[in-house]
């Protein structure tokens, strides 16, 4: 018998510029002006980035982030759900699907290792947050630990209408985009 390639291995081979000469190296360099606000650019994004397969029965995997980031994608999605062990998990709507779960820690490490292999342009992580406040705090700890100084940390929240930083000023940085849930005690009572 001959050697067989899996679909995932074939995709990796086809997308690897070192192994596949279809990609012209001179076209791989960025030549655009990257000094305008981030919102002025089209950004290669991935939806349900963690899923191998369909969104009803797919396998959740940290390796999917590795594959996606190697293609140059600069915005990935993480769906966060409370894990049964008190640690956040990544999966797709567990109440209505049979997708597997993967630990957020595994996903964060995969992203940290691959975030800037294909490009040093900023990586946006779009968080779909379904976490309880305690597991949300744990997610923040995991991100800070995995990403370290790569994590963009604004000194203050910019006022509404203020332009975003430019891709050039955010090179090598990871931006987290999402909404936090506040503890009941932190929500102000109506006046």
C-alpha atoms as a PDB file:
ATOM      1  CA  UNK A   1       0.000   0.000   0.000  1.00  0.00           C
ATOM      2  CA  UNK A   2       0.870   3.585  -0.591  1.00  0.00           C
ATOM      3  CA  UNK A   3       1.142   6.390   1.891  1.00  0.00           C
ATOM      4  CA  UNK A   4      -2.032   8.305   2.673  1.00  0.00           C
ATOM      5  CA  UNK A   5      -2.398  11.895   3.850  1.00  0.00           C
ATOM      6  CA  UNK A   6      -5.141  12.942   6.224  1.00  0.00           C
ATOM      7  CA  UNK A   7      -7.250  15.942   5.206  1.00  0.00           C
ATOM      8  CA  UNK A   8      -5.655  18.018   7.987  1.00  0.00           C
ATOM      9  CA  UNK A   9      -2.105  17.085   6.909  1.00  0.00           C
ATOM     10  CA  UNK A  10      -2.915  17.897   3.280  1.00  0.00           C
ATOM     11  CA  UNK A  11      -4.245  21.323   4.316  1.00  0.00           C
ATOM     12  CA  UNK A  12      -1.121  21.975   6.385  1.00  0.00           C
ATOM     13  CA  UNK A  13       1.058  21.003   3.403  1.00  0.00           C
ATOM     14  CA  UNK A  14      -0.858  23.190   0.954  1.00  0.00           C
ATOM     15  CA  UNK A  15      -0.746  26.187   3.295  1.00  0.00           C
ATOM     16  CA  UNK A  16       2.936  25.873   4.213  1.00  0.00           C
ATOM     17  CA  UNK A  17       4.857  28.404   2.079  1.00  0.00           C
ATOM     18  CA  UNK A  18       8.140  26.561   2.701  1.00  0.00           C
ATOM     19  CA  UNK A  19       6.735  23.310   1.267  1.00  0.00           C
ATOM     20  CA  UNK A  20       4.452  24.678  -1.444  1.00  0.00           C
ATOM     21  CA  UNK A  21       5.941  26.985  -4.068  1.00  0.00           C
ATOM     22  CA  UNK A  22       2.534  28.147  -5.291  1.00  0.00           C
ATOM     23  CA  UNK A  23       2.901  31.028  -2.835  1.00  0.00           C
ATOM     24  CA  UNK A  24       5.227  33.761  -4.109  1.00  0.00           C
ATOM     25  CA  UNK A  25       7.492  34.930  -1.245  1.00  0.00           C
ATOM     26  CA  UNK A  26       7.456  38.525  -2.523  1.00  0.00           C
ATOM     27  CA  UNK A  27       3.671  38.574  -2.133  1.00  0.00           C
ATOM     28  CA  UNK A  28       3.890  37.454   1.489  1.00  0.00           C
ATOM     29  CA  UNK A  29       5.240  40.790   2.723  1.00  0.00           C
ATOM     30  CA  UNK A  30       2.826  43.481   3.871  1.00  0.00           C
ATOM     31  CA  UNK A  31       3.122  46.662   1.844  1.00  0.00           C
ATOM     32  CA  UNK A  32       0.094  48.576   3.113  1.00  0.00           C
ATOM     33  CA  UNK A  33       0.234  51.700   5.262  1.00  0.00           C
ATOM     34  CA  UNK A  34      -0.437  50.259   8.718  1.00  0.00           C
ATOM     35  CA  UNK A  35      -0.518  53.541  10.645  1.00  0.00           C
ATOM     36  CA  UNK A  36      -4.273  54.173  10.477  1.00  0.00           C
ATOM     37  CA  UNK A  37      -6.715  53.029  13.197  1.00  0.00           C
ATOM     38  CA  UNK A  38      -7.289  49.262  13.340  1.00  0.00           C
ATOM     39  CA  UNK A  39     -10.939  49.744  12.324  1.00  0.00           C
ATOM     40  CA  UNK A  40      -9.814  51.016   8.880  1.00  0.00           C
ATOM     41  CA  UNK A  41      -8.656  47.560   7.744  1.00  0.00           C
ATOM     42  CA  UNK A  42     -10.205  44.304   6.623  1.00  0.00           C
ATOM     43  CA  UNK A  43      -9.029  41.560   8.960  1.00  0.00           C
ATOM     44  CA  UNK A  44      -8.876  37.850   8.169  1.00  0.00           C
ATOM     45  CA  UNK A  45     -11.150  36.268  10.776  1.00  0.00           C
ATOM     46  CA  UNK A  46     -12.258  32.803  11.834  1.00  0.00           C
ATOM     47  CA  UNK A  47     -15.617  31.796  13.337  1.00  0.00           C
ATOM     48  CA  UNK A  48     -15.915  28.811  15.705  1.00  0.00           C
ATOM     49  CA  UNK A  49     -12.130  28.625  15.449  1.00  0.00           C
ATOM     50  CA  UNK A  50     -11.862  25.729  17.915  1.00  0.00           C
ATOM     51  CA  UNK A  51     -14.026  23.246  15.979  1.00  0.00           C
ATOM     52  CA  UNK A  52     -12.794  20.349  13.878  1.00  0.00           C
ATOM     53  CA  UNK A  53     -15.921  19.405  11.974  1.00  0.00           C
ATOM     54  CA  UNK A  54     -19.450  20.715  12.255  1.00  0.00           C
ATOM     55  CA  UNK A  55     -20.956  22.859  14.998  1.00  0.00           C
ATOM     56  CA  UNK A  56     -23.350  20.200  16.259  1.00  0.00           C
ATOM     57  CA  UNK A  57     -21.027  17.255  16.912  1.00  0.00           C
ATOM     58  CA  UNK A  58     -17.540  18.662  16.201  1.00  0.00           C
ATOM     59  CA  UNK A  59     -14.382  18.129  18.222  1.00  0.00           C
ATOM     60  CA  UNK A  60     -13.088  21.199  20.090  1.00  0.00           C
ATOM     61  CA  UNK A  61      -9.322  21.448  19.745  1.00  0.00           C
ATOM     62  CA  UNK A  62      -6.402  23.711  20.586  1.00  0.00           C
ATOM     63  CA  UNK A  63      -4.672  22.453  17.430  1.00  0.00           C
ATOM     64  CA  UNK A  64      -7.298  24.178  15.277  1.00  0.00           C
ATOM     65  CA  UNK A  65      -5.954  27.528  16.504  1.00  0.00           C
ATOM     66  CA  UNK A  66      -2.447  26.477  15.468  1.00  0.00           C
ATOM     67  CA  UNK A  67      -3.637  25.627  11.949  1.00  0.00           C
ATOM     68  CA  UNK A  68      -5.700  28.787  11.584  1.00  0.00           C
ATOM     69  CA  UNK A  69      -2.938  31.093  12.827  1.00  0.00           C
ATOM     70  CA  UNK A  70      -0.416  29.497  10.445  1.00  0.00           C
ATOM     71  CA  UNK A  71      -2.614  30.683   7.549  1.00  0.00           C
ATOM     72  CA  UNK A  72      -2.213  34.308   8.644  1.00  0.00           C
ATOM     73  CA  UNK A  73      -5.647  34.695  10.236  1.00  0.00           C
ATOM     74  CA  UNK A  74      -5.587  37.693  12.627  1.00  0.00           C
ATOM     75  CA  UNK A  75      -8.907  37.289  14.463  1.00  0.00           C
ATOM     76  CA  UNK A  76     -10.001  34.071  16.157  1.00  0.00           C
ATOM     77  CA  UNK A  77     -13.036  33.266  18.279  1.00  0.00           C
ATOM     78  CA  UNK A  78     -13.150  31.527  21.650  1.00  0.00           C
ATOM     79  CA  UNK A  79     -16.511  30.416  23.075  1.00  0.00           C
ATOM     80  CA  UNK A  80     -16.071  30.224  26.853  1.00  0.00           C
ATOM     81  CA  UNK A  81     -18.258  28.060  29.084  1.00  0.00           C
ATOM     82  CA  UNK A  82     -18.028  27.070  32.735  1.00  0.00           C
ATOM     83  CA  UNK A  83     -16.061  23.852  33.054  1.00  0.00           C
ATOM     84  CA  UNK A  84     -17.236  21.164  35.467  1.00  0.00           C
ATOM     85  CA  UNK A  85     -13.931  21.338  37.383  1.00  0.00           C
ATOM     86  CA  UNK A  86     -14.097  25.089  38.072  1.00  0.00           C
ATOM     87  CA  UNK A  87     -11.845  25.896  35.104  1.00  0.00           C
ATOM     88  CA  UNK A  88     -13.126  27.499  31.866  1.00  0.00           C
ATOM     89  CA  UNK A  89     -13.706  25.289  28.833  1.00  0.00           C
ATOM     90  CA  UNK A  90     -13.974  26.075  25.130  1.00  0.00           C
ATOM     91  CA  UNK A  91     -16.907  24.486  23.313  1.00  0.00           C
ATOM     92  CA  UNK A  92     -19.973  25.290  21.233  1.00  0.00           C
ATOM     93  CA  UNK A  93     -23.275  25.809  23.106  1.00  0.00           C
ATOM     94  CA  UNK A  94     -23.208  22.681  25.306  1.00  0.00           C
ATOM     95  CA  UNK A  95     -26.950  22.795  26.041  1.00  0.00           C
ATOM     96  CA  UNK A  96     -27.893  22.165  22.387  1.00  0.00           C
ATOM     97  CA  UNK A  97     -24.894  20.441  20.786  1.00  0.00           C
ATOM     98  CA  UNK A  98     -22.729  17.375  21.347  1.00  0.00           C
ATOM     99  CA  UNK A  99     -19.415  19.107  20.640  1.00  0.00           C
ATOM    100  CA  UNK A 100     -16.506  18.098  22.840  1.00  0.00           C
ATOM    101  CA  UNK A 101     -14.809  20.454  25.296  1.00  0.00           C
ATOM    102  CA  UNK A 102     -11.197  21.588  25.470  1.00  0.00           C
ATOM    103  CA  UNK A 103      -9.570  23.413  28.368  1.00  0.00           C
ATOM    104  CA  UNK A 104      -9.064  27.162  27.901  1.00  0.00           C
ATOM    105  CA  UNK A 105      -5.514  26.680  29.217  1.00  0.00           C
ATOM    106  CA  UNK A 106      -4.711  24.349  26.281  1.00  0.00           C
ATOM    107  CA  UNK A 107      -6.225  26.813  23.790  1.00  0.00           C
ATOM    108  CA  UNK A 108      -4.357  29.787  25.296  1.00  0.00           C
ATOM    109  CA  UNK A 109      -1.013  27.967  25.123  1.00  0.00           C
ATOM    110  CA  UNK A 110      -1.624  26.981  21.481  1.00  0.00           C
ATOM    111  CA  UNK A 111      -2.456  30.592  20.607  1.00  0.00           C
ATOM    112  CA  UNK A 112       0.557  31.956  22.501  1.00  0.00           C
ATOM    113  CA  UNK A 113       2.901  29.585  20.659  1.00  0.00           C
ATOM    114  CA  UNK A 114       1.522  30.320  17.161  1.00  0.00           C
ATOM    115  CA  UNK A 115       0.208  33.905  17.398  1.00  0.00           C
ATOM    116  CA  UNK A 116       3.111  35.550  15.597  1.00  0.00           C
ATOM    117  CA  UNK A 117       4.663  32.757  13.526  1.00  0.00           C
ATOM    118  CA  UNK A 118       2.953  33.735  10.248  1.00  0.00           C
ATOM    119  CA  UNK A 119       2.650  37.470  10.962  1.00  0.00           C
ATOM    120  CA  UNK A 120       3.645  39.991  13.607  1.00  0.00           C
ATOM    121  CA  UNK A 121       0.448  41.978  13.050  1.00  0.00           C
ATOM    122  CA  UNK A 122      -1.872  42.162  16.063  1.00  0.00           C
ATOM    123  CA  UNK A 123      -4.022  39.159  16.886  1.00  0.00           C
ATOM    124  CA  UNK A 124      -7.591  39.837  17.987  1.00  0.00           C
ATOM    125  CA  UNK A 125      -9.301  37.211  20.119  1.00  0.00           C
ATOM    126  CA  UNK A 126     -13.069  37.561  20.043  1.00  0.00           C
ATOM    127  CA  UNK A 127     -14.484  36.153  23.269  1.00  0.00           C
ATOM    128  CA  UNK A 128     -18.004  34.752  23.448  1.00  0.00           C
ATOM    129  CA  UNK A 129     -18.300  34.839  27.228  1.00  0.00           C
ATOM    130  CA  UNK A 130     -20.769  32.483  28.936  1.00  0.00           C
ATOM    131  CA  UNK A 131     -18.672  32.190  32.114  1.00  0.00           C
ATOM    132  CA  UNK A 132     -19.736  32.733  35.701  1.00  0.00           C
ATOM    133  CA  UNK A 133     -17.820  35.536  37.423  1.00  0.00           C
ATOM    134  CA  UNK A 134     -15.436  33.138  39.259  1.00  0.00           C
ATOM    135  CA  UNK A 135     -14.541  31.276  36.043  1.00  0.00           C
ATOM    136  CA  UNK A 136     -14.292  34.599  34.187  1.00  0.00           C
ATOM    137  CA  UNK A 137     -11.636  35.620  36.736  1.00  0.00           C
ATOM    138  CA  UNK A 138      -9.876  32.303  36.112  1.00  0.00           C
ATOM    139  CA  UNK A 139      -9.969  32.965  32.342  1.00  0.00           C
ATOM    140  CA  UNK A 140      -8.316  36.353  32.914  1.00  0.00           C
ATOM    141  CA  UNK A 141      -5.562  34.640  34.919  1.00  0.00           C
ATOM    142  CA  UNK A 142      -5.058  32.035  32.169  1.00  0.00           C
ATOM    143  CA  UNK A 143      -4.789  34.703  29.456  1.00  0.00           C
ATOM    144  CA  UNK A 144      -2.356  36.812  31.494  1.00  0.00           C
ATOM    145  CA  UNK A 145      -0.190  33.779  32.236  1.00  0.00           C
ATOM    146  CA  UNK A 146      -0.170  32.383  28.675  1.00  0.00           C
ATOM    147  CA  UNK A 147       0.245  35.677  26.797  1.00  0.00           C
ATOM    148  CA  UNK A 148       2.434  37.630  29.229  1.00  0.00           C
ATOM    149  CA  UNK A 149       3.688  40.896  27.760  1.00  0.00           C
ATOM    150  CA  UNK A 150       2.138  40.035  24.377  1.00  0.00           C
ATOM    151  CA  UNK A 151      -1.261  40.884  25.894  1.00  0.00           C
ATOM    152  CA  UNK A 152      -2.289  44.449  25.010  1.00  0.00           C
ATOM    153  CA  UNK A 153      -3.221  46.229  28.219  1.00  0.00           C
ATOM    154  CA  UNK A 154      -4.591  49.739  27.708  1.00  0.00           C
ATOM    155  CA  UNK A 155      -3.782  52.129  30.545  1.00  0.00           C
ATOM    156  CA  UNK A 156      -7.389  53.312  30.585  1.00  0.00           C
ATOM    157  CA  UNK A 157     -10.503  52.604  28.587  1.00  0.00           C
ATOM    158  CA  UNK A 158     -10.541  55.021  25.642  1.00  0.00           C
ATOM    159  CA  UNK A 159     -13.563  57.315  25.460  1.00  0.00           C
ATOM    160  CA  UNK A 160     -16.296  56.403  22.965  1.00  0.00           C
ATOM    161  CA  UNK A 161     -15.449  57.690  19.505  1.00  0.00           C
ATOM    162  CA  UNK A 162     -11.704  57.653  20.155  1.00  0.00           C
ATOM    163  CA  UNK A 163      -9.874  55.945  17.274  1.00  0.00           C
ATOM    164  CA  UNK A 164      -8.314  52.558  17.881  1.00  0.00           C
ATOM    165  CA  UNK A 165      -4.550  52.074  17.846  1.00  0.00           C
ATOM    166  CA  UNK A 166      -2.970  51.221  14.501  1.00  0.00           C
ATOM    167  CA  UNK A 167      -1.777  47.764  13.427  1.00  0.00           C
ATOM    168  CA  UNK A 168       1.756  49.195  13.264  1.00  0.00           C
ATOM    169  CA  UNK A 169       1.642  50.276  16.924  1.00  0.00           C
ATOM    170  CA  UNK A 170       0.149  46.926  17.980  1.00  0.00           C
ATOM    171  CA  UNK A 171       2.667  44.625  16.264  1.00  0.00           C
ATOM    172  CA  UNK A 172       3.301  41.537  18.374  1.00  0.00           C
ATOM    173  CA  UNK A 173       0.288  42.213  20.621  1.00  0.00           C
ATOM    174  CA  UNK A 174      -2.805  40.144  21.427  1.00  0.00           C
ATOM    175  CA  UNK A 175      -6.069  42.025  21.914  1.00  0.00           C
ATOM    176  CA  UNK A 176      -8.997  40.516  23.795  1.00  0.00           C
ATOM    177  CA  UNK A 177     -12.436  41.638  22.576  1.00  0.00           C
ATOM    178  CA  UNK A 178     -15.555  40.740  24.513  1.00  0.00           C
ATOM    179  CA  UNK A 179     -17.933  41.630  27.310  1.00  0.00           C
ATOM    180  CA  UNK A 180     -17.378  40.901  30.989  1.00  0.00           C
ATOM    181  CA  UNK A 181     -20.087  39.838  33.384  1.00  0.00           C
ATOM    182  CA  UNK A 182     -20.072  41.825  36.591  1.00  0.00           C
ATOM    183  CA  UNK A 183     -20.657  40.348  40.010  1.00  0.00           C
ATOM    184  CA  UNK A 184     -24.116  41.193  41.346  1.00  0.00           C
ATOM    185  CA  UNK A 185     -22.514  43.373  44.035  1.00  0.00           C
ATOM    186  CA  UNK A 186     -20.709  45.428  41.364  1.00  0.00           C
ATOM    187  CA  UNK A 187     -23.879  46.351  39.466  1.00  0.00           C
ATOM    188  CA  UNK A 188     -25.171  49.758  40.515  1.00  0.00           C
ATOM    189  CA  UNK A 189     -28.738  49.952  41.756  1.00  0.00           C
ATOM    190  CA  UNK A 190     -31.098  52.237  39.821  1.00  0.00           C
ATOM    191  CA  UNK A 191     -31.433  55.744  41.245  1.00  0.00           C
END
